Amino acid sequence: VCSGQSNMEWPLQKALERADEVNLADYPNIRLFTVPRT
């Protein structure tokens, strides 16, 4: 469970070297689940 404020919320597409990092984020056995903010 990954929880926190803005530092944890900050998306990969806005990180440093984001273009390369996003393009290389191909890991079939890492699974992502985002809880909606309600």
Full PDB file with SEQRES, HELIX, SHEET, SSBOND, CRYST1, ORIGX, SCALE, CONECT and MASTER records, all heavy atoms in Angstrom:
SEQRES   1 A   38  VAL CYS SER GLY GLN SER ASN MET GLU TRP PRO LEU GLN          
SEQRES   2 A   38  LYS ALA LEU GLU ARG ALA ASP GLU VAL ASN LEU ALA ASP          
SEQRES   3 A   38  TYR PRO ASN ILE ARG LEU PHE THR VAL PRO ARG THR              
HELIX    1 AA1 SER A    6  GLU A    9  1                                   4    
HELIX    2 AA2 LEU A   12  LYS A   14  5                                   3    
HELIX    3 AA3 ARG A   18  ASN A   23  1                                   6    
CRYST1    1.000    1.000    1.000  90.00  90.00  90.00 P 1           1          
ORIGX1      1.000000  0.000000  0.000000        0.00000                         
ORIGX2      0.000000  1.000000  0.000000        0.00000                         
ORIGX3      0.000000  0.000000  1.000000        0.00000                         
SCALE1      1.000000  0.000000  0.000000        0.00000                         
SCALE2      0.000000  1.000000  0.000000        0.00000                         
SCALE3      0.000000  0.000000  1.000000        0.00000                         
ATOM      1  N   VAL A   1       0.860  -1.181   0.000  1.00  0.00           N  
ATOM      2  CA  VAL A   1       0.000   0.000   0.000  1.00  0.00           C  
ATOM      3  C   VAL A   1       0.897   1.232   0.000  1.00  0.00           C  
ATOM      4  O   VAL A   1       1.746   1.397   0.883  1.00  0.00           O  
ATOM      5  CB  VAL A   1      -0.936   0.026   1.224  1.00  0.00           C  
ATOM      6  CG1 VAL A   1      -1.725   1.336   1.268  1.00  0.00           C  
ATOM      7  CG2 VAL A   1      -1.896  -1.157   1.182  1.00  0.00           C  
ATOM      8  N   CYS A   2       0.727   2.089  -1.003  1.00  0.00           N  
ATOM      9  CA  CYS A   2       1.555   3.286  -1.166  1.00  0.00           C  
ATOM     10  C   CYS A   2       0.674   4.501  -0.921  1.00  0.00           C  
ATOM     11  O   CYS A   2      -0.151   4.852  -1.760  1.00  0.00           O  
ATOM     12  CB  CYS A   2       2.145   3.331  -2.567  1.00  0.00           C  
ATOM     13  SG  CYS A   2       2.958   1.779  -3.063  1.00  0.00           S  
ATOM     14  N   SER A   3       0.842   5.128   0.237  1.00  0.00           N  
ATOM     15  CA  SER A   3      -0.055   6.209   0.615  1.00  0.00           C  
ATOM     16  C   SER A   3       0.732   7.423   1.062  1.00  0.00           C  
ATOM     17  O   SER A   3       1.864   7.305   1.532  1.00  0.00           O  
ATOM     18  CB  SER A   3      -0.991   5.758   1.741  1.00  0.00           C  
ATOM     19  OG  SER A   3      -1.938   6.747   2.061  1.00  0.00           O  
ATOM     20  N   GLY A   4       0.140   8.593   0.902  1.00  0.00           N  
ATOM     21  CA  GLY A   4       0.804   9.803   1.336  1.00  0.00           C  
ATOM     22  C   GLY A   4       0.155  11.034   0.742  1.00  0.00           C  
ATOM     23  O   GLY A   4      -0.999  10.994   0.299  1.00  0.00           O  
ATOM     24  N   GLN A   5       0.933  12.115   0.690  1.00  0.00           N  
ATOM     25  CA  GLN A   5       0.418  13.372   0.169  1.00  0.00           C  
ATOM     26  C   GLN A   5       0.955  13.587  -1.257  1.00  0.00           C  
ATOM     27  O   GLN A   5       1.097  12.631  -2.004  1.00  0.00           O  
ATOM     28  CB  GLN A   5       0.791  14.506   1.112  1.00  0.00           C  
ATOM     29  CG  GLN A   5       0.159  14.403   2.490  1.00  0.00           C  
ATOM     30  CD  GLN A   5       0.471  15.601   3.368  1.00  0.00           C  
ATOM     31  OE1 GLN A   5       1.539  16.189   3.308  1.00  0.00           O  
ATOM     32  NE2 GLN A   5      -0.482  15.969   4.214  1.00  0.00           N  
ATOM     33  N   SER A   6       1.266  14.815  -1.590  1.00  0.00           N  
ATOM     34  CA  SER A   6       1.616  15.138  -2.974  1.00  0.00           C  
ATOM     35  C   SER A   6       2.888  14.445  -3.449  1.00  0.00           C  
ATOM     36  O   SER A   6       3.008  14.104  -4.629  1.00  0.00           O  
ATOM     37  CB  SER A   6       1.749  16.649  -3.142  1.00  0.00           C  
ATOM     38  OG  SER A   6       2.647  17.184  -2.189  1.00  0.00           O  
ATOM     39  N   ASN A   7       3.851  14.234  -2.563  1.00  0.00           N  
ATOM     40  CA  ASN A   7       5.089  13.572  -2.995  1.00  0.00           C  
ATOM     41  C   ASN A   7       4.826  12.145  -3.461  1.00  0.00           C  
ATOM     42  O   ASN A   7       5.463  11.665  -4.408  1.00  0.00           O  
ATOM     43  CB  ASN A   7       6.113  13.565  -1.862  1.00  0.00           C  
ATOM     44  CG  ASN A   7       6.724  14.935  -1.622  1.00  0.00           C  
ATOM     45  OD1 ASN A   7       6.605  15.804  -2.465  1.00  0.00           O  
ATOM     46  ND2 ASN A   7       7.345  15.117  -0.479  1.00  0.00           N  
ATOM     47  N   MET A   8       3.910  11.445  -2.776  1.00  0.00           N  
ATOM     48  CA  MET A   8       3.562  10.102  -3.202  1.00  0.00           C  
ATOM     49  C   MET A   8       2.623  10.129  -4.406  1.00  0.00           C  
ATOM     50  O   MET A   8       2.645   9.247  -5.261  1.00  0.00           O  
ATOM     51  CB  MET A   8       2.904   9.333  -2.043  1.00  0.00           C  
ATOM     52  CG  MET A   8       2.521   7.902  -2.391  1.00  0.00           C  
ATOM     53  SD  MET A   8       3.917   6.840  -2.816  1.00  0.00           S  
ATOM     54  CE  MET A   8       4.595   6.530  -1.182  1.00  0.00           C  
ATOM     55  N   GLU A   9       1.812  11.147  -4.491  1.00  0.00           N  
ATOM     56  CA  GLU A   9       0.826  11.260  -5.563  1.00  0.00           C  
ATOM     57  C   GLU A   9       1.471  11.631  -6.903  1.00  0.00           C  
ATOM     58  O   GLU A   9       0.950  11.309  -7.971  1.00  0.00           O  
ATOM     59  CB  GLU A   9      -0.189  12.332  -5.154  1.00  0.00           C  
ATOM     60  CG  GLU A   9      -1.380  12.475  -6.048  1.00  0.00           C  
ATOM     61  CD  GLU A   9      -2.293  13.583  -5.529  1.00  0.00           C  
ATOM     62  OE1 GLU A   9      -1.798  14.700  -5.264  1.00  0.00           O  
ATOM     63  OE2 GLU A   9      -3.489  13.325  -5.392  1.00  0.00           O  
ATOM     64  N   TRP A  10       2.608  12.310  -6.868  1.00  0.00           N  
ATOM     65  CA  TRP A  10       3.251  12.853  -8.073  1.00  0.00           C  
ATOM     66  C   TRP A  10       3.449  11.770  -9.133  1.00  0.00           C  
ATOM     67  O   TRP A  10       4.075  10.750  -8.884  1.00  0.00           O  
ATOM     68  CB  TRP A  10       4.601  13.451  -7.699  1.00  0.00           C  
ATOM     69  CG  TRP A  10       5.193  14.319  -8.761  1.00  0.00           C  
ATOM     70  CD1 TRP A  10       6.140  13.963  -9.676  1.00  0.00           C  
ATOM     71  CD2 TRP A  10       4.888  15.692  -9.023  1.00  0.00           C  
ATOM     72  NE1 TRP A  10       6.456  15.015 -10.483  1.00  0.00           N  
ATOM     73  CE2 TRP A  10       5.694  16.093 -10.110  1.00  0.00           C  
ATOM     74  CE3 TRP A  10       4.022  16.613  -8.441  1.00  0.00           C  
ATOM     75  CZ2 TRP A  10       5.654  17.380 -10.628  1.00  0.00           C  
ATOM     76  CZ3 TRP A  10       3.982  17.897  -8.962  1.00  0.00           C  
ATOM     77  CH2 TRP A  10       4.790  18.269 -10.026  1.00  0.00           C  
ATOM     78  N   PRO A  11       2.904  11.943 -10.340  1.00  0.00           N  
ATOM     79  CA  PRO A  11       2.924  10.864 -11.341  1.00  0.00           C  
ATOM     80  C   PRO A  11       4.260  10.711 -12.050  1.00  0.00           C  
ATOM     81  O   PRO A  11       5.048  11.663 -12.159  1.00  0.00           O  
ATOM     82  CB  PRO A  11       1.829  11.292 -12.323  1.00  0.00           C  
ATOM     83  CG  PRO A  11       1.818  12.785 -12.231  1.00  0.00           C  
ATOM     84  CD  PRO A  11       2.131  13.112 -10.788  1.00  0.00           C  
ATOM     85  N   LEU A  12       4.486   9.530 -12.565  1.00  0.00           N  
ATOM     86  CA  LEU A  12       5.724   9.223 -13.274  1.00  0.00           C  
ATOM     87  C   LEU A  12       5.906  10.131 -14.488  1.00  0.00           C  
ATOM     88  O   LEU A  12       7.033  10.513 -14.817  1.00  0.00           O  
ATOM     89  CB  LEU A  12       5.719   7.756 -13.711  1.00  0.00           C  
ATOM     90  CG  LEU A  12       6.962   7.246 -14.432  1.00  0.00           C  
ATOM     91  CD1 LEU A  12       8.188   7.316 -13.526  1.00  0.00           C  
ATOM     92  CD2 LEU A  12       6.751   5.812 -14.924  1.00  0.00           C  
ATOM     93  N   GLN A  13       4.833  10.502 -15.157  1.00  0.00           N  
ATOM     94  CA  GLN A  13       4.939  11.321 -16.355  1.00  0.00           C  
ATOM     95  C   GLN A  13       5.427  12.737 -16.081  1.00  0.00           C  
ATOM     96  O   GLN A  13       5.721  13.492 -17.004  1.00  0.00           O  
ATOM     97  CB  GLN A  13       3.586  11.370 -17.074  1.00  0.00           C  
ATOM     98  CG  GLN A  13       2.475  12.004 -16.264  1.00  0.00           C  
ATOM     99  CD  GLN A  13       1.107  11.735 -16.849  1.00  0.00           C  
ATOM    100  OE1 GLN A  13       0.981  10.904 -17.762  1.00  0.00           O  
ATOM    101  NE2 GLN A  13       0.082  12.398 -16.348  1.00  0.00           N  
ATOM    102  N   LYS A  14       5.537  13.122 -14.788  1.00  0.00           N  
ATOM    103  CA  LYS A  14       6.067  14.441 -14.426  1.00  0.00           C  
ATOM    104  C   LYS A  14       7.411  14.329 -13.712  1.00  0.00           C  
ATOM    105  O   LYS A  14       7.929  15.328 -13.221  1.00  0.00           O  
ATOM    106  CB  LYS A  14       5.070  15.187 -13.538  1.00  0.00           C  
ATOM    107  CG  LYS A  14       3.797  15.582 -14.257  1.00  0.00           C  
ATOM    108  CD  LYS A  14       2.901  16.423 -13.361  1.00  0.00           C  
ATOM    109  CE  LYS A  14       1.642  16.861 -14.092  1.00  0.00           C  
ATOM    110  NZ  LYS A  14       0.755  17.700 -13.241  1.00  0.00           N  
ATOM    111  N   ALA A  15       7.978  13.125 -13.652  1.00  0.00           N  
ATOM    112  CA  ALA A  15       9.256  12.924 -12.965  1.00  0.00           C  
ATOM    113  C   ALA A  15      10.415  13.339 -13.867  1.00  0.00           C  
ATOM    114  O   ALA A  15      10.244  13.599 -15.065  1.00  0.00           O  
ATOM    115  CB  ALA A  15       9.407  11.461 -12.554  1.00  0.00           C  
ATOM    116  N   LEU A  16      11.619  13.405 -13.292  1.00  0.00           N  
ATOM    117  CA  LEU A  16      12.808  13.691 -14.078  1.00  0.00           C  
ATOM    118  C   LEU A  16      13.028  12.579 -15.098  1.00  0.00           C  
ATOM    119  O   LEU A  16      12.752  11.404 -14.829  1.00  0.00           O  
ATOM    120  CB  LEU A  16      14.034  13.824 -13.159  1.00  0.00           C  
ATOM    121  CG  LEU A  16      14.037  15.003 -12.188  1.00  0.00           C  
ATOM    122  CD1 LEU A  16      15.246  14.931 -11.272  1.00  0.00           C  
ATOM    123  CD2 LEU A  16      14.027  16.326 -12.951  1.00  0.00           C  
ATOM    124  N   GLU A  17      13.558  12.920 -16.237  1.00  0.00           N  
ATOM    125  CA  GLU A  17      13.794  11.955 -17.324  1.00  0.00           C  
ATOM    126  C   GLU A  17      12.512  11.184 -17.636  1.00  0.00           C  
ATOM    127  O   GLU A  17      12.543  10.005 -17.950  1.00  0.00           O  
ATOM    128  CB  GLU A  17      14.920  10.974 -16.938  1.00  0.00           C  
ATOM    129  CG  GLU A  17      16.198  11.620 -16.449  1.00  0.00           C  
ATOM    130  CD  GLU A  17      16.863  12.458 -17.533  1.00  0.00           C  
ATOM    131  OE1 GLU A  17      16.606  12.227 -18.726  1.00  0.00           O  
ATOM    132  OE2 GLU A  17      17.641  13.362 -17.162  1.00  0.00           O  
ATOM    133  N   ARG A  18      11.370  11.877 -17.555  1.00  0.00           N  
ATOM    134  CA  ARG A  18      10.084  11.198 -17.624  1.00  0.00           C  
ATOM    135  C   ARG A  18       9.833  10.473 -18.944  1.00  0.00           C  
ATOM    136  O   ARG A  18       9.252   9.389 -18.947  1.00  0.00           O  
ATOM    137  CB  ARG A  18       8.967  12.192 -17.361  1.00  0.00           C  
ATOM    138  CG  ARG A  18       9.019  13.458 -18.175  1.00  0.00           C  
ATOM    139  CD  ARG A  18       7.966  14.439 -17.688  1.00  0.00           C  
ATOM    140  NE  ARG A  18       8.092  15.756 -18.300  1.00  0.00           N  
ATOM    141  CZ  ARG A  18       8.847  16.726 -17.821  1.00  0.00           C  
ATOM    142  NH1 ARG A  18       9.553  16.516 -16.726  1.00  0.00           N  
ATOM    143  NH2 ARG A  18       8.902  17.901 -18.409  1.00  0.00           N  
ATOM    144  N   ALA A  19      10.284  11.040 -20.055  1.00  0.00           N  
ATOM    145  CA  ALA A  19      10.008  10.406 -21.348  1.00  0.00           C  
ATOM    146  C   ALA A  19      10.612   9.012 -21.409  1.00  0.00           C  
ATOM    147  O   ALA A  19       9.934   8.040 -21.756  1.00  0.00           O  
ATOM    148  CB  ALA A  19      10.532  11.286 -22.482  1.00  0.00           C  
ATOM    149  N   ASP A  20      11.886   8.902 -21.049  1.00  0.00           N  
ATOM    150  CA  ASP A  20      12.545   7.594 -21.077  1.00  0.00           C  
ATOM    151  C   ASP A  20      11.932   6.654 -20.051  1.00  0.00           C  
ATOM    152  O   ASP A  20      11.716   5.472 -20.336  1.00  0.00           O  
ATOM    153  CB  ASP A  20      14.042   7.741 -20.812  1.00  0.00           C  
ATOM    154  CG  ASP A  20      14.759   8.421 -21.972  1.00  0.00           C  
ATOM    155  OD1 ASP A  20      14.212   8.408 -23.084  1.00  0.00           O  
ATOM    156  OD2 ASP A  20      15.848   8.966 -21.739  1.00  0.00           O  
ATOM    157  N   GLU A  21      11.671   7.160 -18.838  1.00  0.00           N  
ATOM    158  CA  GLU A  21      11.138   6.311 -17.776  1.00  0.00           C  
ATOM    159  C   GLU A  21       9.770   5.746 -18.156  1.00  0.00           C  
ATOM    160  O   GLU A  21       9.488   4.573 -17.943  1.00  0.00           O  
ATOM    161  CB  GLU A  21      11.047   7.087 -16.458  1.00  0.00           C  
ATOM    162  CG  GLU A  21      12.381   7.445 -15.858  1.00  0.00           C  
ATOM    163  CD  GLU A  21      13.156   6.241 -15.343  1.00  0.00           C  
ATOM    164  OE1 GLU A  21      12.622   5.109 -15.414  1.00  0.00           O  
ATOM    165  OE2 GLU A  21      14.291   6.424 -14.884  1.00  0.00           O  
ATOM    166  N   VAL A  22       8.903   6.588 -18.695  1.00  0.00           N  
ATOM    167  CA  VAL A  22       7.572   6.111 -19.068  1.00  0.00           C  
ATOM    168  C   VAL A  22       7.661   5.094 -20.197  1.00  0.00           C  
ATOM    169  O   VAL A  22       7.007   4.051 -20.166  1.00  0.00           O  
ATOM    170  CB  VAL A  22       6.667   7.304 -19.459  1.00  0.00           C  
ATOM    171  CG1 VAL A  22       5.351   6.801 -20.050  1.00  0.00           C  
ATOM    172  CG2 VAL A  22       6.386   8.181 -18.248  1.00  0.00           C  
ATOM    173  N   ASN A  23       8.474   5.380 -21.193  1.00  0.00           N  
ATOM    174  CA  ASN A  23       8.594   4.465 -22.332  1.00  0.00           C  
ATOM    175  C   ASN A  23       9.161   3.111 -21.938  1.00  0.00           C  
ATOM    176  O   ASN A  23       8.867   2.085 -22.585  1.00  0.00           O  
ATOM    177  CB  ASN A  23       9.469   5.093 -23.420  1.00  0.00           C  
ATOM    178  CG  ASN A  23       8.801   6.273 -24.095  1.00  0.00           C  
ATOM    179  OD1 ASN A  23       7.579   6.357 -24.129  1.00  0.00           O  
ATOM    180  ND2 ASN A  23       9.601   7.197 -24.623  1.00  0.00           N  
ATOM    181  N   LEU A  24       9.976   3.084 -20.874  1.00  0.00           N  
ATOM    182  CA  LEU A  24      10.607   1.827 -20.441  1.00  0.00           C  
ATOM    183  C   LEU A  24       9.803   1.110 -19.349  1.00  0.00           C  
ATOM    184  O   LEU A  24      10.220   0.056 -18.881  1.00  0.00           O  
ATOM    185  CB  LEU A  24      12.020   2.113 -19.919  1.00  0.00           C  
ATOM    186  CG  LEU A  24      13.023   2.626 -20.963  1.00  0.00           C  
ATOM    187  CD1 LEU A  24      14.328   3.042 -20.289  1.00  0.00           C  
ATOM    188  CD2 LEU A  24      13.287   1.559 -22.023  1.00  0.00           C  
ATOM    189  N   ALA A  25       8.671   1.661 -18.959  1.00  0.00           N  
ATOM    190  CA  ALA A  25       7.884   1.086 -17.856  1.00  0.00           C  
ATOM    191  C   ALA A  25       7.039  -0.081 -18.348  1.00  0.00           C  
ATOM    192  O   ALA A  25       5.805  -0.058 -18.308  1.00  0.00           O  
ATOM    193  CB  ALA A  25       7.003   2.160 -17.225  1.00  0.00           C  
ATOM    194  N   ASP A  26       7.707  -1.124 -18.799  1.00  0.00           N  
ATOM    195  CA  ASP A  26       7.019  -2.304 -19.328  1.00  0.00           C  
ATOM    196  C   ASP A  26       7.390  -3.519 -18.486  1.00  0.00           C  
ATOM    197  O   ASP A  26       8.358  -4.215 -18.759  1.00  0.00           O  
ATOM    198  CB  ASP A  26       7.408  -2.510 -20.796  1.00  0.00           C  
ATOM    199  CG  ASP A  26       6.580  -3.596 -21.467  1.00  0.00           C  
ATOM    200  OD1 ASP A  26       5.591  -4.045 -20.846  1.00  0.00           O  
ATOM    201  OD2 ASP A  26       6.914  -3.994 -22.603  1.00  0.00           O  
ATOM    202  N   TYR A  27       6.609  -3.735 -17.420  1.00  0.00           N  
ATOM    203  CA  TYR A  27       6.864  -4.836 -16.483  1.00  0.00           C  
ATOM    204  C   TYR A  27       5.553  -5.588 -16.261  1.00  0.00           C  
ATOM    205  O   TYR A  27       4.758  -5.222 -15.396  1.00  0.00           O  
ATOM    206  CB  TYR A  27       7.410  -4.307 -15.158  1.00  0.00           C  
ATOM    207  CG  TYR A  27       8.776  -3.670 -15.273  1.00  0.00           C  
ATOM    208  CD1 TYR A  27       8.911  -2.307 -15.548  1.00  0.00           C  
ATOM    209  CD2 TYR A  27       9.929  -4.438 -15.121  1.00  0.00           C  
ATOM    210  CE1 TYR A  27      10.157  -1.722 -15.655  1.00  0.00           C  
ATOM    211  CE2 TYR A  27      11.186  -3.857 -15.238  1.00  0.00           C  
ATOM    212  CZ  TYR A  27      11.296  -2.505 -15.511  1.00  0.00           C  
ATOM    213  OH  TYR A  27      12.533  -1.937 -15.626  1.00  0.00           O  
ATOM    214  N   PRO A  28       5.298  -6.646 -17.043  1.00  0.00           N  
ATOM    215  CA  PRO A  28       4.019  -7.358 -16.965  1.00  0.00           C  
ATOM    216  C   PRO A  28       3.678  -7.887 -15.575  1.00  0.00           C  
ATOM    217  O   PRO A  28       2.492  -8.035 -15.249  1.00  0.00           O  
ATOM    218  CB  PRO A  28       4.197  -8.510 -17.962  1.00  0.00           C  
ATOM    219  CG  PRO A  28       5.270  -8.042 -18.899  1.00  0.00           C  
ATOM    220  CD  PRO A  28       6.191  -7.214 -18.067  1.00  0.00           C  
ATOM    221  N   ASN A  29       4.687  -8.179 -14.754  1.00  0.00           N  
ATOM    222  CA  ASN A  29       4.411  -8.734 -13.426  1.00  0.00           C  
ATOM    223  C   ASN A  29       4.480  -7.688 -12.313  1.00  0.00           C  
ATOM    224  O   ASN A  29       4.524  -8.037 -11.136  1.00  0.00           O  
ATOM    225  CB  ASN A  29       5.347  -9.896 -13.126  1.00  0.00           C  
ATOM    226  CG  ASN A  29       4.944 -11.139 -13.903  1.00  0.00           C  
ATOM    227  OD1 ASN A  29       3.785 -11.296 -14.281  1.00  0.00           O  
ATOM    228  ND2 ASN A  29       5.907 -12.009 -14.170  1.00  0.00           N  
ATOM    229  N   ILE A  30       4.499  -6.416 -12.680  1.00  0.00           N  
ATOM    230  CA  ILE A  30       4.196  -5.348 -11.722  1.00  0.00           C  
ATOM    231  C   ILE A  30       2.778  -4.903 -12.037  1.00  0.00           C  
ATOM    232  O   ILE A  30       2.453  -4.584 -13.180  1.00  0.00           O  
ATOM    233  CB  ILE A  30       5.166  -4.164 -11.837  1.00  0.00           C  
ATOM    234  CG1 ILE A  30       6.595  -4.590 -11.497  1.00  0.00           C  
ATOM    235  CG2 ILE A  30       4.734  -3.033 -10.914  1.00  0.00           C  
ATOM    236  CD1 ILE A  30       7.621  -3.468 -11.625  1.00  0.00           C  
ATOM    237  N   ARG A  31       1.916  -4.900 -11.033  1.00  0.00           N  
ATOM    238  CA  ARG A  31       0.511  -4.574 -11.251  1.00  0.00           C  
ATOM    239  C   ARG A  31       0.150  -3.320 -10.457  1.00  0.00           C  
ATOM    240  O   ARG A  31       0.592  -3.139  -9.307  1.00  0.00           O  
ATOM    241  CB  ARG A  31      -0.378  -5.746 -10.837  1.00  0.00           C  
ATOM    242  CG  ARG A  31       0.063  -7.098 -11.460  1.00  0.00           C  
ATOM    243  CD  ARG A  31      -0.074  -7.076 -12.980  1.00  0.00           C  
ATOM    244  NE  ARG A  31       0.484  -8.243 -13.640  1.00  0.00           N  
ATOM    245  CZ  ARG A  31      -0.165  -9.397 -13.819  1.00  0.00           C  
ATOM    246  NH1 ARG A  31      -1.393  -9.537 -13.343  1.00  0.00           N  
ATOM    247  NH2 ARG A  31       0.408 -10.393 -14.453  1.00  0.00           N  
ATOM    248  N   LEU A  32      -0.656  -2.455 -11.051  1.00  0.00           N  
ATOM    249  CA  LEU A  32      -0.963  -1.143 -10.493  1.00  0.00           C  
ATOM    250  C   LEU A  32      -2.449  -1.017 -10.173  1.00  0.00           C  
ATOM    251  O   LEU A  32      -3.301  -1.405 -10.978  1.00  0.00           O  
ATOM    252  CB  LEU A  32      -0.565  -0.048 -11.485  1.00  0.00           C  
ATOM    253  CG  LEU A  32       0.823  -0.176 -12.112  1.00  0.00           C  
ATOM    254  CD1 LEU A  32       1.035   0.926 -13.144  1.00  0.00           C  
ATOM    255  CD2 LEU A  32       1.908  -0.141 -11.046  1.00  0.00           C  
ATOM    256  N   PHE A  33      -2.736  -0.443  -9.014  1.00  0.00           N  
ATOM    257  CA  PHE A  33      -4.126  -0.246  -8.570  1.00  0.00           C  
ATOM    258  C   PHE A  33      -4.214   1.124  -7.925  1.00  0.00           C  
ATOM    259  O   PHE A  33      -3.557   1.389  -6.917  1.00  0.00           O  
ATOM    260  CB  PHE A  33      -4.518  -1.332  -7.564  1.00  0.00           C  
ATOM    261  CG  PHE A  33      -5.973  -1.348  -7.188  1.00  0.00           C  
ATOM    262  CD1 PHE A  33      -6.883  -2.117  -7.895  1.00  0.00           C  
ATOM    263  CD2 PHE A  33      -6.436  -0.614  -6.107  1.00  0.00           C  
ATOM    264  CE1 PHE A  33      -8.229  -2.150  -7.543  1.00  0.00           C  
ATOM    265  CE2 PHE A  33      -7.770  -0.635  -5.735  1.00  0.00           C  
ATOM    266  CZ  PHE A  33      -8.673  -1.413  -6.465  1.00  0.00           C  
ATOM    267  N   THR A  34      -4.996   2.032  -8.504  1.00  0.00           N  
ATOM    268  CA  THR A  34      -5.125   3.389  -7.985  1.00  0.00           C  
ATOM    269  C   THR A  34      -6.500   3.573  -7.359  1.00  0.00           C  
ATOM    270  O   THR A  34      -7.522   3.383  -8.028  1.00  0.00           O  
ATOM    271  CB  THR A  34      -4.933   4.435  -9.088  1.00  0.00           C  
ATOM    272  OG1 THR A  34      -3.615   4.292  -9.635  1.00  0.00           O  
ATOM    273  CG2 THR A  34      -5.099   5.845  -8.533  1.00  0.00           C  
ATOM    274  N   VAL A  35      -6.529   3.930  -6.089  1.00  0.00           N  
ATOM    275  CA  VAL A  35      -7.786   4.161  -5.386  1.00  0.00           C  
ATOM    276  C   VAL A  35      -8.299   5.551  -5.754  1.00  0.00           C  
ATOM    277  O   VAL A  35      -7.582   6.537  -5.586  1.00  0.00           O  
ATOM    278  CB  VAL A  35      -7.593   4.057  -3.862  1.00  0.00           C  
ATOM    279  CG1 VAL A  35      -8.903   4.348  -3.133  1.00  0.00           C  
ATOM    280  CG2 VAL A  35      -7.077   2.661  -3.492  1.00  0.00           C  
ATOM    281  N   PRO A  36      -9.524   5.656  -6.270  1.00  0.00           N  
ATOM    282  CA  PRO A  36     -10.066   6.976  -6.628  1.00  0.00           C  
ATOM    283  C   PRO A  36     -10.142   7.892  -5.418  1.00  0.00           C  
ATOM    284  O   PRO A  36     -10.392   7.450  -4.291  1.00  0.00           O  
ATOM    285  CB  PRO A  36     -11.475   6.647  -7.152  1.00  0.00           C  
ATOM    286  CG  PRO A  36     -11.420   5.208  -7.542  1.00  0.00           C  
ATOM    287  CD  PRO A  36     -10.468   4.572  -6.587  1.00  0.00           C  
ATOM    288  N   ARG A  37      -9.933   9.180  -5.644  1.00  0.00           N  
ATOM    289  CA  ARG A  37      -9.980  10.167  -4.559  1.00  0.00           C  
ATOM    290  C   ARG A  37     -11.435  10.589  -4.339  1.00  0.00           C  
ATOM    291  O   ARG A  37     -11.959  11.422  -5.073  1.00  0.00           O  
ATOM    292  CB  ARG A  37      -9.105  11.367  -4.892  1.00  0.00           C  
ATOM    293  CG  ARG A  37      -7.645  11.003  -5.121  1.00  0.00           C  
ATOM    294  CD  ARG A  37      -6.746  12.209  -5.099  1.00  0.00           C  
ATOM    295  NE  ARG A  37      -7.282  13.294  -5.925  1.00  0.00           N  
ATOM    296  CZ  ARG A  37      -6.718  14.496  -6.014  1.00  0.00           C  
ATOM    297  NH1 ARG A  37      -5.619  14.746  -5.337  1.00  0.00           N  
ATOM    298  NH2 ARG A  37      -7.246  15.428  -6.776  1.00  0.00           N  
ATOM    299  N   THR A  38     -12.061   9.989  -3.350  1.00  0.00           N  
ATOM    300  CA  THR A  38     -13.450  10.290  -3.027  1.00  0.00           C  
ATOM    301  C   THR A  38     -13.557  10.527  -1.529  1.00  0.00           C  
ATOM    302  O   THR A  38     -13.156   9.679  -0.734  1.00  0.00           O  
ATOM    303  CB  THR A  38     -14.376   9.122  -3.420  1.00  0.00           C  
ATOM    304  OG1 THR A  38     -14.198   8.843  -4.817  1.00  0.00           O  
ATOM    305  CG2 THR A  38     -15.830   9.482  -3.166  1.00  0.00           C  
TER     306      THR A  38                                                      
MASTER        0    0    0    3    0    0    0    6  305    1    0    3          
END                                                                             
